[in-house]
Amino acid sequence: MSVIKELDIISITDHNSLRQYNAIMKVAKTLPIKVLIGCEVQTKEDIHVLCYFKSYEKAMQFQELLIKWHPGIKNRKDYFGEQYVLDELDEVIGEEELLLLVSLDIGINELCHIVHEHDGKVVLAHALDRGNSIITQLGFIPDNLEYDAIEVKNEEQKQRILKMHPWIKEDTLFFYDSDAHHLIDIHEAEYGIEEEVFTRFWG
């Protein structure tokens, strides 16, 4: 669907898991699209945080920490549904037994630090939208939090966040994402990221 909508770059950020990326990267090599390796971590404060990694190796090291921080709650298939691991042909090759829809035993400050230790970047997910955003959970974005960018839906949300937080600098990176949970929700290429901005993000 992302190729049909002529997107150049995407990230598939599963909840508390990077296990699907072996298949995702194989598929990406066959398509005219760039994929950023990432996942959406739910912290002990119930905050959703997007974590991106430059390399598959670093991402897999971080995956081991996701397991370590998990509270050990098993998935209930009858209530939450299946949690399959698929290969590049959409064939089931495994199953995640631990429930992914939980808060992990890691606070947002420590999470930011550890992601950076793994050469990763931190983006505050849907910062002014839906539950589990940092503003929903804390009421504001702390001025000492070591994040790299803020995810919003549109320019109006960006301006609202800047107005609420006078300590956020104008040159702070904001990413405009569709945050799609279904194929139909994936946006067309409405917003772009200039090369200079992308370089600054990974700098």
N, C-alpha and C. Protein backbone atom coordinates (compact mmCIF):
# COMPACT_ATOMS: atom_id res chain seq x y z
N MET A 1 0.82 -1.20 0.00
CA MET A 1 0.00 0.00 0.00
C MET A 1 0.86 1.26 0.00
N SER A 2 1.97 1.22 0.72
CA SER A 2 2.86 2.39 0.75
C SER A 2 3.46 2.66 -0.63
N VAL A 3 3.76 1.61 -1.37
CA VAL A 3 4.29 1.78 -2.72
C VAL A 3 3.21 2.33 -3.64
N ILE A 4 2.00 1.80 -3.53
CA ILE A 4 0.88 2.29 -4.33
C ILE A 4 0.66 3.78 -4.10
N LYS A 5 0.83 4.21 -2.85
CA LYS A 5 0.63 5.63 -2.52
C LYS A 5 1.88 6.46 -2.76
N GLU A 6 2.89 5.84 -3.39
CA GLU A 6 4.10 6.52 -3.84
C GLU A 6 4.88 7.17 -2.70
N LEU A 7 4.94 6.48 -1.59
CA LEU A 7 5.76 6.96 -0.47
C LEU A 7 7.22 6.56 -0.71
N ASP A 8 8.14 7.39 -0.28
CA ASP A 8 9.56 7.12 -0.46
C ASP A 8 10.18 6.43 0.75
N ILE A 9 9.63 6.73 1.93
CA ILE A 9 10.22 6.21 3.16
C ILE A 9 9.12 5.95 4.19
N ILE A 10 9.19 4.81 4.86
CA ILE A 10 8.21 4.46 5.88
C ILE A 10 8.92 3.78 7.05
N SER A 11 8.20 3.59 8.14
CA SER A 11 8.66 2.75 9.23
C SER A 11 7.47 1.97 9.76
N ILE A 12 7.69 0.70 10.00
CA ILE A 12 6.65 -0.17 10.56
C ILE A 12 7.00 -0.38 12.03
N THR A 13 6.28 0.32 12.89
CA THR A 13 6.65 0.37 14.31
C THR A 13 5.69 -0.48 15.14
N ASP A 14 5.93 -1.77 15.15
CA ASP A 14 5.12 -2.66 15.97
C ASP A 14 5.25 -2.31 17.44
N HIS A 15 4.26 -2.70 18.21
CA HIS A 15 4.20 -2.37 19.63
C HIS A 15 5.13 -3.29 20.42
N ASN A 16 6.15 -2.69 21.05
CA ASN A 16 7.06 -3.43 21.94
C ASN A 16 7.76 -4.61 21.27
N SER A 17 7.97 -4.53 19.97
CA SER A 17 8.61 -5.65 19.29
C SER A 17 9.29 -5.21 17.99
N LEU A 18 10.45 -5.83 17.73
CA LEU A 18 11.17 -5.65 16.47
C LEU A 18 11.33 -6.98 15.74
N ARG A 19 10.65 -8.00 16.19
CA ARG A 19 10.86 -9.36 15.66
C ARG A 19 10.47 -9.50 14.20
N GLN A 20 9.62 -8.63 13.69
CA GLN A 20 9.13 -8.77 12.32
C GLN A 20 10.11 -8.20 11.29
N TYR A 21 11.18 -7.55 11.77
CA TYR A 21 12.04 -6.82 10.84
C TYR A 21 12.91 -7.68 9.94
N ASN A 22 13.16 -8.91 10.30
CA ASN A 22 13.89 -9.80 9.38
C ASN A 22 13.13 -9.92 8.07
N ALA A 23 11.82 -10.14 8.15
CA ALA A 23 10.99 -10.25 6.94
C ALA A 23 10.80 -8.90 6.27
N ILE A 24 10.59 -7.85 7.07
CA ILE A 24 10.34 -6.52 6.51
C ILE A 24 11.52 -6.06 5.66
N MET A 25 12.74 -6.26 6.13
CA MET A 25 13.91 -5.81 5.39
C MET A 25 14.11 -6.60 4.11
N LYS A 26 13.76 -7.88 4.12
CA LYS A 26 13.84 -8.69 2.89
C LYS A 26 12.86 -8.18 1.84
N VAL A 27 11.65 -7.85 2.27
CA VAL A 27 10.64 -7.33 1.34
C VAL A 27 11.07 -5.96 0.81
N ALA A 28 11.60 -5.13 1.69
CA ALA A 28 11.98 -3.77 1.30
C ALA A 28 13.03 -3.76 0.20
N LYS A 29 13.91 -4.76 0.19
CA LYS A 29 14.95 -4.83 -0.83
C LYS A 29 14.38 -5.04 -2.24
N THR A 30 13.15 -5.52 -2.32
CA THR A 30 12.54 -5.80 -3.63
C THR A 30 11.63 -4.66 -4.09
N LEU A 31 11.52 -3.60 -3.30
CA LEU A 31 10.57 -2.53 -3.60
C LEU A 31 11.26 -1.17 -3.65
N PRO A 32 10.70 -0.22 -4.38
CA PRO A 32 11.28 1.13 -4.46
C PRO A 32 10.89 1.98 -3.27
N ILE A 33 11.29 1.54 -2.08
CA ILE A 33 10.92 2.26 -0.87
C ILE A 33 11.99 2.02 0.19
N LYS A 34 12.24 3.04 1.01
CA LYS A 34 13.22 2.91 2.10
C LYS A 34 12.47 2.68 3.41
N VAL A 35 12.98 1.77 4.22
CA VAL A 35 12.34 1.44 5.48
C VAL A 35 13.28 1.78 6.64
N LEU A 36 12.78 2.57 7.59
CA LEU A 36 13.50 2.82 8.83
C LEU A 36 13.13 1.75 9.84
N ILE A 37 14.13 1.16 10.48
CA ILE A 37 13.89 0.14 11.48
C ILE A 37 13.42 0.81 12.77
N GLY A 38 12.27 0.40 13.26
CA GLY A 38 11.77 1.03 14.47
C GLY A 38 10.67 0.25 15.15
N CYS A 39 10.34 0.66 16.36
CA CYS A 39 9.22 0.07 17.10
C CYS A 39 8.63 1.14 18.00
N GLU A 40 7.43 0.88 18.50
CA GLU A 40 6.77 1.79 19.42
C GLU A 40 6.79 1.15 20.81
N VAL A 41 7.54 1.75 21.70
CA VAL A 41 7.68 1.23 23.06
C VAL A 41 6.68 1.92 23.97
N GLN A 42 6.05 1.12 24.84
CA GLN A 42 5.15 1.68 25.85
C GLN A 42 5.87 1.64 27.18
N THR A 43 6.17 2.83 27.73
CA THR A 43 6.95 2.93 28.96
C THR A 43 6.10 2.63 30.20
N LYS A 44 6.76 2.62 31.34
CA LYS A 44 6.04 2.36 32.60
C LYS A 44 5.05 3.48 32.93
N GLU A 45 5.24 4.67 32.30
CA GLU A 45 4.29 5.76 32.47
C GLU A 45 3.12 5.66 31.48
N ASP A 46 3.08 4.56 30.73
CA ASP A 46 2.06 4.34 29.68
C ASP A 46 2.21 5.32 28.52
N ILE A 47 3.42 5.77 28.27
CA ILE A 47 3.70 6.70 27.17
C ILE A 47 4.22 5.92 25.97
N HIS A 48 3.70 6.23 24.80
CA HIS A 48 4.18 5.62 23.56
C HIS A 48 5.36 6.42 23.01
N VAL A 49 6.45 5.72 22.75
CA VAL A 49 7.68 6.35 22.27
C VAL A 49 8.18 5.58 21.05
N LEU A 50 8.42 6.28 19.95
CA LEU A 50 8.96 5.65 18.75
C LEU A 50 10.48 5.59 18.86
N CYS A 51 11.03 4.40 18.65
CA CYS A 51 12.47 4.19 18.75
C CYS A 51 12.99 3.69 17.41
N TYR A 52 13.93 4.44 16.81
CA TYR A 52 14.46 4.10 15.49
C TYR A 52 15.94 3.76 15.59
N PHE A 53 16.38 2.84 14.72
CA PHE A 53 17.76 2.36 14.78
C PHE A 53 18.40 2.38 13.39
N LYS A 54 19.69 2.71 13.37
CA LYS A 54 20.41 2.80 12.10
C LYS A 54 20.71 1.43 11.51
N SER A 55 20.88 0.44 12.36
CA SER A 55 21.27 -0.89 11.87
C SER A 55 20.37 -1.98 12.44
N TYR A 56 20.26 -3.05 11.68
CA TYR A 56 19.49 -4.22 12.11
C TYR A 56 20.13 -4.84 13.35
N GLU A 57 21.47 -4.84 13.41
CA GLU A 57 22.18 -5.44 14.53
C GLU A 57 21.85 -4.73 15.84
N LYS A 58 21.88 -3.39 15.82
CA LYS A 58 21.55 -2.63 17.02
C LYS A 58 20.09 -2.83 17.42
N ALA A 59 19.24 -2.92 16.42
CA ALA A 59 17.81 -3.14 16.70
C ALA A 59 17.59 -4.48 17.39
N MET A 60 18.31 -5.51 16.96
CA MET A 60 18.15 -6.83 17.56
C MET A 60 18.72 -6.87 18.98
N GLN A 61 19.75 -6.09 19.24
CA GLN A 61 20.23 -5.96 20.62
C GLN A 61 19.17 -5.31 21.49
N PHE A 62 18.51 -4.31 20.94
CA PHE A 62 17.45 -3.62 21.67
C PHE A 62 16.25 -4.55 21.88
N GLN A 63 15.99 -5.44 20.93
CA GLN A 63 14.90 -6.41 21.06
C GLN A 63 15.08 -7.27 22.32
N GLU A 64 16.31 -7.63 22.62
CA GLU A 64 16.58 -8.42 23.83
C GLU A 64 16.19 -7.64 25.09
N LEU A 65 16.38 -6.33 25.06
CA LEU A 65 15.99 -5.51 26.20
C LEU A 65 14.47 -5.41 26.32
N LEU A 66 13.78 -5.37 25.18
CA LEU A 66 12.31 -5.33 25.22
C LEU A 66 11.77 -6.57 25.94
N ILE A 67 12.40 -7.70 25.70
CA ILE A 67 12.00 -8.94 26.39
C ILE A 67 12.31 -8.85 27.88
N LYS A 68 13.48 -8.32 28.20
CA LYS A 68 13.90 -8.18 29.59
C LYS A 68 12.96 -7.28 30.38
N TRP A 69 12.48 -6.21 29.75
CA TRP A 69 11.62 -5.24 30.44
C TRP A 69 10.16 -5.68 30.51
N HIS A 70 9.81 -6.75 29.82
CA HIS A 70 8.41 -7.18 29.77
C HIS A 70 7.97 -7.74 31.12
N PRO A 71 6.74 -7.43 31.55
CA PRO A 71 6.27 -7.91 32.86
C PRO A 71 5.94 -9.39 32.89
N GLY A 72 6.02 -10.07 31.76
CA GLY A 72 5.80 -11.52 31.73
C GLY A 72 4.36 -11.94 31.52
N ILE A 73 3.49 -11.00 31.19
CA ILE A 73 2.08 -11.32 30.97
C ILE A 73 1.92 -12.02 29.62
N LYS A 74 1.25 -13.17 29.63
CA LYS A 74 1.05 -13.94 28.40
C LYS A 74 -0.12 -13.38 27.59
N ASN A 75 -0.04 -13.55 26.29
CA ASN A 75 -1.14 -13.13 25.42
C ASN A 75 -2.35 -14.04 25.59
N ARG A 76 -3.52 -13.45 25.63
CA ARG A 76 -4.77 -14.21 25.62
C ARG A 76 -5.36 -14.11 24.21
N LYS A 77 -5.18 -15.18 23.44
CA LYS A 77 -5.61 -15.17 22.04
C LYS A 77 -7.11 -14.96 21.91
N ASP A 78 -7.86 -15.49 22.88
CA ASP A 78 -9.32 -15.38 22.79
C ASP A 78 -9.80 -13.94 22.98
N TYR A 79 -8.95 -13.11 23.59
CA TYR A 79 -9.34 -11.73 23.86
C TYR A 79 -8.59 -10.73 22.98
N PHE A 80 -7.26 -10.90 22.86
CA PHE A 80 -6.44 -9.94 22.12
C PHE A 80 -6.15 -10.38 20.68
N GLY A 81 -6.36 -11.66 20.39
CA GLY A 81 -6.07 -12.15 19.04
C GLY A 81 -4.68 -12.73 18.93
N GLU A 82 -4.37 -13.24 17.73
CA GLU A 82 -3.07 -13.87 17.48
C GLU A 82 -1.97 -12.82 17.37
N GLN A 83 -0.76 -13.22 17.72
CA GLN A 83 0.42 -12.37 17.56
C GLN A 83 1.45 -13.15 16.74
N TYR A 84 1.20 -13.27 15.45
CA TYR A 84 2.04 -14.09 14.58
C TYR A 84 3.33 -13.36 14.20
N VAL A 85 4.36 -14.14 13.98
CA VAL A 85 5.58 -13.67 13.32
C VAL A 85 5.55 -14.27 11.92
N LEU A 86 5.70 -13.41 10.90
CA LEU A 86 5.57 -13.84 9.50
C LEU A 86 6.91 -13.75 8.78
N ASP A 87 7.03 -14.52 7.69
CA ASP A 87 8.20 -14.36 6.84
C ASP A 87 7.87 -13.39 5.71
N GLU A 88 8.79 -13.24 4.77
CA GLU A 88 8.61 -12.26 3.70
C GLU A 88 7.50 -12.63 2.73
N LEU A 89 6.98 -13.87 2.81
CA LEU A 89 5.87 -14.31 1.96
C LEU A 89 4.54 -14.33 2.73
N ASP A 90 4.53 -13.72 3.91
CA ASP A 90 3.35 -13.69 4.78
C ASP A 90 2.97 -15.06 5.33
N GLU A 91 3.93 -15.95 5.37
CA GLU A 91 3.69 -17.27 5.97
C GLU A 91 4.05 -17.20 7.46
N VAL A 92 3.23 -17.84 8.29
CA VAL A 92 3.47 -17.84 9.73
C VAL A 92 4.68 -18.72 10.05
N ILE A 93 5.67 -18.13 10.73
CA ILE A 93 6.87 -18.89 11.11
C ILE A 93 7.06 -18.92 12.63
N GLY A 94 6.19 -18.24 13.35
CA GLY A 94 6.30 -18.21 14.79
C GLY A 94 5.17 -17.44 15.42
N GLU A 95 5.22 -17.34 16.72
CA GLU A 95 4.16 -16.64 17.43
C GLU A 95 4.75 -16.00 18.68
N GLU A 96 4.33 -14.77 18.96
CA GLU A 96 4.78 -14.07 20.16
C GLU A 96 3.85 -14.45 21.31
N GLU A 97 4.39 -15.13 22.30
CA GLU A 97 3.56 -15.60 23.42
C GLU A 97 3.31 -14.51 24.46
N LEU A 98 4.24 -13.60 24.62
CA LEU A 98 4.06 -12.51 25.57
C LEU A 98 3.14 -11.46 24.98
N LEU A 99 2.23 -10.93 25.79
CA LEU A 99 1.31 -9.89 25.33
C LEU A 99 2.10 -8.62 25.01
N LEU A 100 1.94 -8.13 23.80
CA LEU A 100 2.68 -6.95 23.37
C LEU A 100 2.00 -5.64 23.80
N LEU A 101 0.72 -5.70 24.06
CA LEU A 101 -0.05 -4.50 24.41
C LEU A 101 0.03 -4.24 25.91
N VAL A 102 1.25 -3.98 26.40
CA VAL A 102 1.46 -3.73 27.83
C VAL A 102 2.50 -2.63 28.00
N SER A 103 2.56 -2.09 29.22
CA SER A 103 3.64 -1.16 29.56
C SER A 103 4.85 -1.97 30.02
N LEU A 104 6.02 -1.58 29.56
CA LEU A 104 7.25 -2.26 29.95
C LEU A 104 7.83 -1.61 31.21
N ASP A 105 8.73 -2.33 31.85
CA ASP A 105 9.34 -1.85 33.09
C ASP A 105 10.55 -0.96 32.76
N ILE A 106 10.28 0.15 32.09
CA ILE A 106 11.31 1.10 31.75
C ILE A 106 10.68 2.50 31.68
N GLY A 107 11.27 3.44 32.38
CA GLY A 107 10.75 4.81 32.37
C GLY A 107 11.21 5.55 31.12
N ILE A 108 10.52 6.61 30.79
CA ILE A 108 10.81 7.31 29.55
C ILE A 108 12.20 7.94 29.54
N ASN A 109 12.67 8.46 30.67
CA ASN A 109 14.00 9.06 30.71
C ASN A 109 15.09 8.01 30.46
N GLU A 110 14.97 6.88 31.12
CA GLU A 110 15.95 5.82 30.94
C GLU A 110 15.86 5.23 29.54
N LEU A 111 14.65 5.13 29.01
CA LEU A 111 14.48 4.60 27.66
C LEU A 111 15.23 5.47 26.64
N CYS A 112 15.07 6.78 26.74
CA CYS A 112 15.76 7.69 25.82
C CYS A 112 17.27 7.46 25.87
N HIS A 113 17.79 7.32 27.08
CA HIS A 113 19.23 7.12 27.26
C HIS A 113 19.68 5.82 26.61
N ILE A 114 18.94 4.75 26.82
CA ILE A 114 19.34 3.44 26.29
C ILE A 114 19.21 3.38 24.77
N VAL A 115 18.18 3.99 24.22
CA VAL A 115 18.05 4.04 22.76
C VAL A 115 19.24 4.76 22.15
N HIS A 116 19.66 5.86 22.75
CA HIS A 116 20.83 6.60 22.25
C HIS A 116 22.10 5.77 22.38
N GLU A 117 22.20 4.97 23.42
CA GLU A 117 23.36 4.08 23.57
C GLU A 117 23.43 3.06 22.45
N HIS A 118 22.29 2.74 21.85
CA HIS A 118 22.22 1.79 20.73
C HIS A 118 22.21 2.51 19.38
N ASP A 119 22.77 3.72 19.36
CA ASP A 119 22.83 4.53 18.13
C ASP A 119 21.45 4.77 17.54
N GLY A 120 20.46 4.85 18.41
CA GLY A 120 19.09 5.05 17.96
C GLY A 120 18.60 6.47 18.20
N LYS A 121 17.38 6.71 17.76
CA LYS A 121 16.76 8.01 17.92
C LYS A 121 15.38 7.85 18.53
N VAL A 122 14.95 8.86 19.28
CA VAL A 122 13.69 8.83 20.01
C VAL A 122 12.74 9.89 19.47
N VAL A 123 11.53 9.45 19.14
CA VAL A 123 10.49 10.38 18.68
C VAL A 123 9.27 10.20 19.58
N LEU A 124 8.74 11.29 20.09
CA LEU A 124 7.56 11.23 20.94
C LEU A 124 6.34 10.96 20.07
N ALA A 125 5.72 9.79 20.26
CA ALA A 125 4.66 9.32 19.37
C ALA A 125 3.36 10.09 19.57
N HIS A 126 2.66 10.36 18.44
CA HIS A 126 1.36 11.05 18.44
C HIS A 126 1.23 11.97 19.66
N ALA A 127 2.13 12.93 19.73
CA ALA A 127 2.32 13.73 20.95
C ALA A 127 1.08 14.50 21.39
N LEU A 128 0.20 14.81 20.46
CA LEU A 128 -0.99 15.58 20.82
C LEU A 128 -2.24 14.89 20.26
N ASP A 129 -2.22 13.58 20.30
CA ASP A 129 -3.31 12.85 19.67
C ASP A 129 -3.46 11.48 20.31
N ARG A 130 -4.69 11.08 20.58
CA ARG A 130 -4.97 9.74 21.12
C ARG A 130 -4.43 9.58 22.55
N GLY A 131 -4.80 8.46 23.14
CA GLY A 131 -4.29 8.15 24.46
C GLY A 131 -2.84 7.72 24.38
N ASN A 132 -2.19 7.64 25.52
CA ASN A 132 -0.81 7.17 25.63
C ASN A 132 0.22 8.12 25.01
N SER A 133 -0.18 9.34 24.69
CA SER A 133 0.81 10.32 24.28
C SER A 133 1.47 10.90 25.52
N ILE A 134 2.62 11.51 25.36
CA ILE A 134 3.31 12.07 26.51
C ILE A 134 2.50 13.19 27.15
N ILE A 135 1.79 13.98 26.33
CA ILE A 135 0.99 15.07 26.88
C ILE A 135 -0.26 14.53 27.57
N THR A 136 -0.84 13.46 27.05
CA THR A 136 -1.98 12.84 27.70
C THR A 136 -1.60 12.29 29.07
N GLN A 137 -0.43 11.66 29.14
CA GLN A 137 -0.02 10.98 30.37
C GLN A 137 0.62 11.92 31.40
N LEU A 138 1.45 12.85 30.94
CA LEU A 138 2.15 13.74 31.86
C LEU A 138 1.56 15.14 31.92
N GLY A 139 0.84 15.50 30.86
CA GLY A 139 0.28 16.84 30.79
C GLY A 139 1.16 17.83 30.05
N PHE A 140 2.41 17.46 29.79
CA PHE A 140 3.36 18.35 29.12
C PHE A 140 4.58 17.55 28.69
N ILE A 141 5.45 18.18 27.90
CA ILE A 141 6.73 17.58 27.51
C ILE A 141 7.82 18.21 28.38
N PRO A 142 8.48 17.44 29.24
CA PRO A 142 9.51 17.99 30.12
C PRO A 142 10.65 18.65 29.33
N ASP A 143 11.16 19.75 29.86
CA ASP A 143 12.20 20.48 29.13
C ASP A 143 13.55 19.79 29.16
N ASN A 144 13.73 18.80 30.06
CA ASN A 144 15.01 18.10 30.16
C ASN A 144 14.98 16.72 29.52
N LEU A 145 13.90 16.38 28.84
CA LEU A 145 13.78 15.06 28.22
C LEU A 145 14.63 14.99 26.95
N GLU A 146 15.42 13.94 26.79
CA GLU A 146 16.37 13.82 25.68
C GLU A 146 15.75 13.10 24.49
N TYR A 147 14.78 13.71 23.86
CA TYR A 147 14.17 13.15 22.65
C TYR A 147 14.78 13.82 21.43
N ASP A 148 14.53 13.24 20.25
CA ASP A 148 15.12 13.74 19.01
C ASP A 148 14.11 14.40 18.08
N ALA A 149 12.85 14.08 18.23
CA ALA A 149 11.82 14.68 17.38
C ALA A 149 10.45 14.42 18.01
N ILE A 150 9.46 15.12 17.49
CA ILE A 150 8.08 14.98 17.97
C ILE A 150 7.19 14.63 16.79
N GLU A 151 6.34 13.63 16.98
CA GLU A 151 5.43 13.21 15.91
C GLU A 151 4.07 13.90 16.08
N VAL A 152 3.60 14.52 15.01
CA VAL A 152 2.28 15.16 15.00
C VAL A 152 1.55 14.77 13.73
N LYS A 153 0.26 15.10 13.70
CA LYS A 153 -0.55 14.82 12.52
C LYS A 153 -0.45 15.91 11.47
N ASN A 154 -0.32 17.16 11.93
CA ASN A 154 -0.36 18.27 10.99
C ASN A 154 0.29 19.52 11.61
N GLU A 155 0.33 20.60 10.83
CA GLU A 155 0.95 21.84 11.28
C GLU A 155 0.22 22.46 12.46
N GLU A 156 -1.09 22.30 12.50
CA GLU A 156 -1.89 22.86 13.59
C GLU A 156 -1.48 22.24 14.92
N GLN A 157 -1.24 20.93 14.95
CA GLN A 157 -0.80 20.28 16.17
C GLN A 157 0.58 20.77 16.58
N LYS A 158 1.46 20.96 15.62
CA LYS A 158 2.80 21.47 15.91
C LYS A 158 2.71 22.83 16.60
N GLN A 159 1.90 23.73 16.06
CA GLN A 159 1.79 25.07 16.63
C GLN A 159 1.18 25.04 18.02
N ARG A 160 0.24 24.14 18.27
CA ARG A 160 -0.35 24.01 19.59
C ARG A 160 0.69 23.56 20.61
N ILE A 161 1.53 22.60 20.21
CA ILE A 161 2.57 22.11 21.11
C ILE A 161 3.58 23.21 21.41
N LEU A 162 3.98 23.96 20.40
CA LEU A 162 4.93 25.05 20.62
C LEU A 162 4.35 26.13 21.54
N LYS A 163 3.06 26.40 21.39
CA LYS A 163 2.41 27.40 22.25
C LYS A 163 2.33 26.92 23.69
N MET A 164 2.10 25.62 23.88
CA MET A 164 2.00 25.05 25.22
C MET A 164 3.36 24.97 25.91
N HIS A 165 4.44 24.88 25.11
CA HIS A 165 5.77 24.63 25.66
C HIS A 165 6.75 25.69 25.16
N PRO A 166 6.83 26.83 25.82
CA PRO A 166 7.73 27.90 25.36
C PRO A 166 9.20 27.50 25.40
N TRP A 167 9.54 26.41 26.11
CA TRP A 167 10.93 25.98 26.17
C TRP A 167 11.33 25.11 24.97
N ILE A 168 10.36 24.70 24.14
CA ILE A 168 10.70 23.93 22.94
C ILE A 168 11.17 24.88 21.85
N LYS A 169 12.34 24.62 21.32
CA LYS A 169 12.93 25.51 20.32
C LYS A 169 12.22 25.38 18.98
N GLU A 170 12.23 26.46 18.22
CA GLU A 170 11.59 26.49 16.90
C GLU A 170 12.22 25.51 15.93
N ASP A 171 13.52 25.22 16.11
CA ASP A 171 14.20 24.30 15.19
C ASP A 171 14.08 22.84 15.61
N THR A 172 13.26 22.56 16.63
CA THR A 172 12.99 21.17 17.01
C THR A 172 12.36 20.44 15.83
N LEU A 173 12.78 19.20 15.62
CA LEU A 173 12.27 18.43 14.49
C LEU A 173 10.86 17.91 14.79
N PHE A 174 9.96 18.14 13.87
CA PHE A 174 8.60 17.60 13.94
C PHE A 174 8.39 16.72 12.70
N PHE A 175 7.86 15.52 12.91
CA PHE A 175 7.54 14.62 11.81
C PHE A 175 6.03 14.50 11.69
N TYR A 176 5.55 14.57 10.47
CA TYR A 176 4.12 14.47 10.20
C TYR A 176 3.83 13.05 9.69
N ASP A 177 3.21 12.24 10.53
CA ASP A 177 2.98 10.84 10.19
C ASP A 177 1.50 10.48 10.24
N SER A 178 1.13 9.48 9.47
CA SER A 178 -0.27 9.05 9.46
C SER A 178 -0.59 8.15 10.65
N ASP A 179 0.46 7.54 11.27
CA ASP A 179 0.23 6.64 12.41
C ASP A 179 -0.88 5.64 12.08
N ALA A 180 -0.76 5.01 10.91
CA ALA A 180 -1.81 4.14 10.40
C ALA A 180 -1.79 2.77 11.08
N HIS A 181 -2.94 2.35 11.57
CA HIS A 181 -3.10 1.00 12.11
C HIS A 181 -3.79 0.06 11.11
N HIS A 182 -4.29 0.63 10.02
CA HIS A 182 -4.92 -0.14 8.95
C HIS A 182 -4.43 0.40 7.62
N LEU A 183 -4.41 -0.45 6.60
CA LEU A 183 -3.92 -0.04 5.29
C LEU A 183 -4.62 1.21 4.77
N ILE A 184 -5.92 1.28 4.98
CA ILE A 184 -6.70 2.40 4.45
C ILE A 184 -6.29 3.73 5.09
N ASP A 185 -5.64 3.67 6.26
CA ASP A 185 -5.26 4.89 6.98
C ASP A 185 -3.92 5.47 6.53
N ILE A 186 -3.18 4.74 5.69
CA ILE A 186 -1.87 5.23 5.25
C ILE A 186 -2.06 6.45 4.36
N HIS A 187 -1.42 7.55 4.71
CA HIS A 187 -1.55 8.79 3.96
C HIS A 187 -0.82 8.73 2.62
N GLU A 188 -1.26 9.57 1.68
CA GLU A 188 -0.47 9.81 0.50
C GLU A 188 0.74 10.68 0.90
N ALA A 189 1.61 10.92 -0.06
CA ALA A 189 2.84 11.68 0.21
C ALA A 189 2.52 13.17 0.35
N GLU A 190 1.79 13.50 1.41
CA GLU A 190 1.37 14.89 1.65
C GLU A 190 2.49 15.73 2.24
N TYR A 191 3.29 15.10 3.10
CA TYR A 191 4.39 15.81 3.75
C TYR A 191 5.72 15.20 3.31
N GLY A 192 6.73 16.03 3.23
CA GLY A 192 8.06 15.56 2.86
C GLY A 192 9.08 15.89 3.92
N ILE A 193 10.18 15.17 3.90
CA ILE A 193 11.30 15.44 4.80
C ILE A 193 12.49 15.79 3.92
N GLU A 194 12.99 17.01 4.05
CA GLU A 194 14.14 17.41 3.26
C GLU A 194 15.38 16.65 3.72
N GLU A 195 16.31 16.47 2.79
CA GLU A 195 17.52 15.70 3.09
C GLU A 195 18.29 16.30 4.26
N GLU A 196 18.32 17.63 4.33
CA GLU A 196 19.03 18.29 5.41
C GLU A 196 18.42 17.97 6.77
N VAL A 197 17.08 17.90 6.81
CA VAL A 197 16.37 17.57 8.05
C VAL A 197 16.64 16.13 8.44
N PHE A 198 16.60 15.25 7.47
CA PHE A 198 16.83 13.83 7.73
C PHE A 198 18.25 13.60 8.23
N THR A 199 19.21 14.32 7.63
CA THR A 199 20.60 14.23 8.06
C THR A 199 20.76 14.74 9.48
N ARG A 200 20.08 15.82 9.80
CA ARG A 200 20.14 16.39 11.16
C ARG A 200 19.55 15.43 12.17
N PHE A 201 18.49 14.72 11.78
CA PHE A 201 17.87 13.75 12.68
C PHE A 201 18.84 12.63 13.04
N TRP A 202 19.56 12.11 12.04
CA TRP A 202 20.47 10.99 12.28
C TRP A 202 21.87 11.44 12.72
N GLY A 203 22.11 12.77 12.74
CA GLY A 203 23.45 13.29 12.99
C GLY A 203 24.12 12.84 14.27
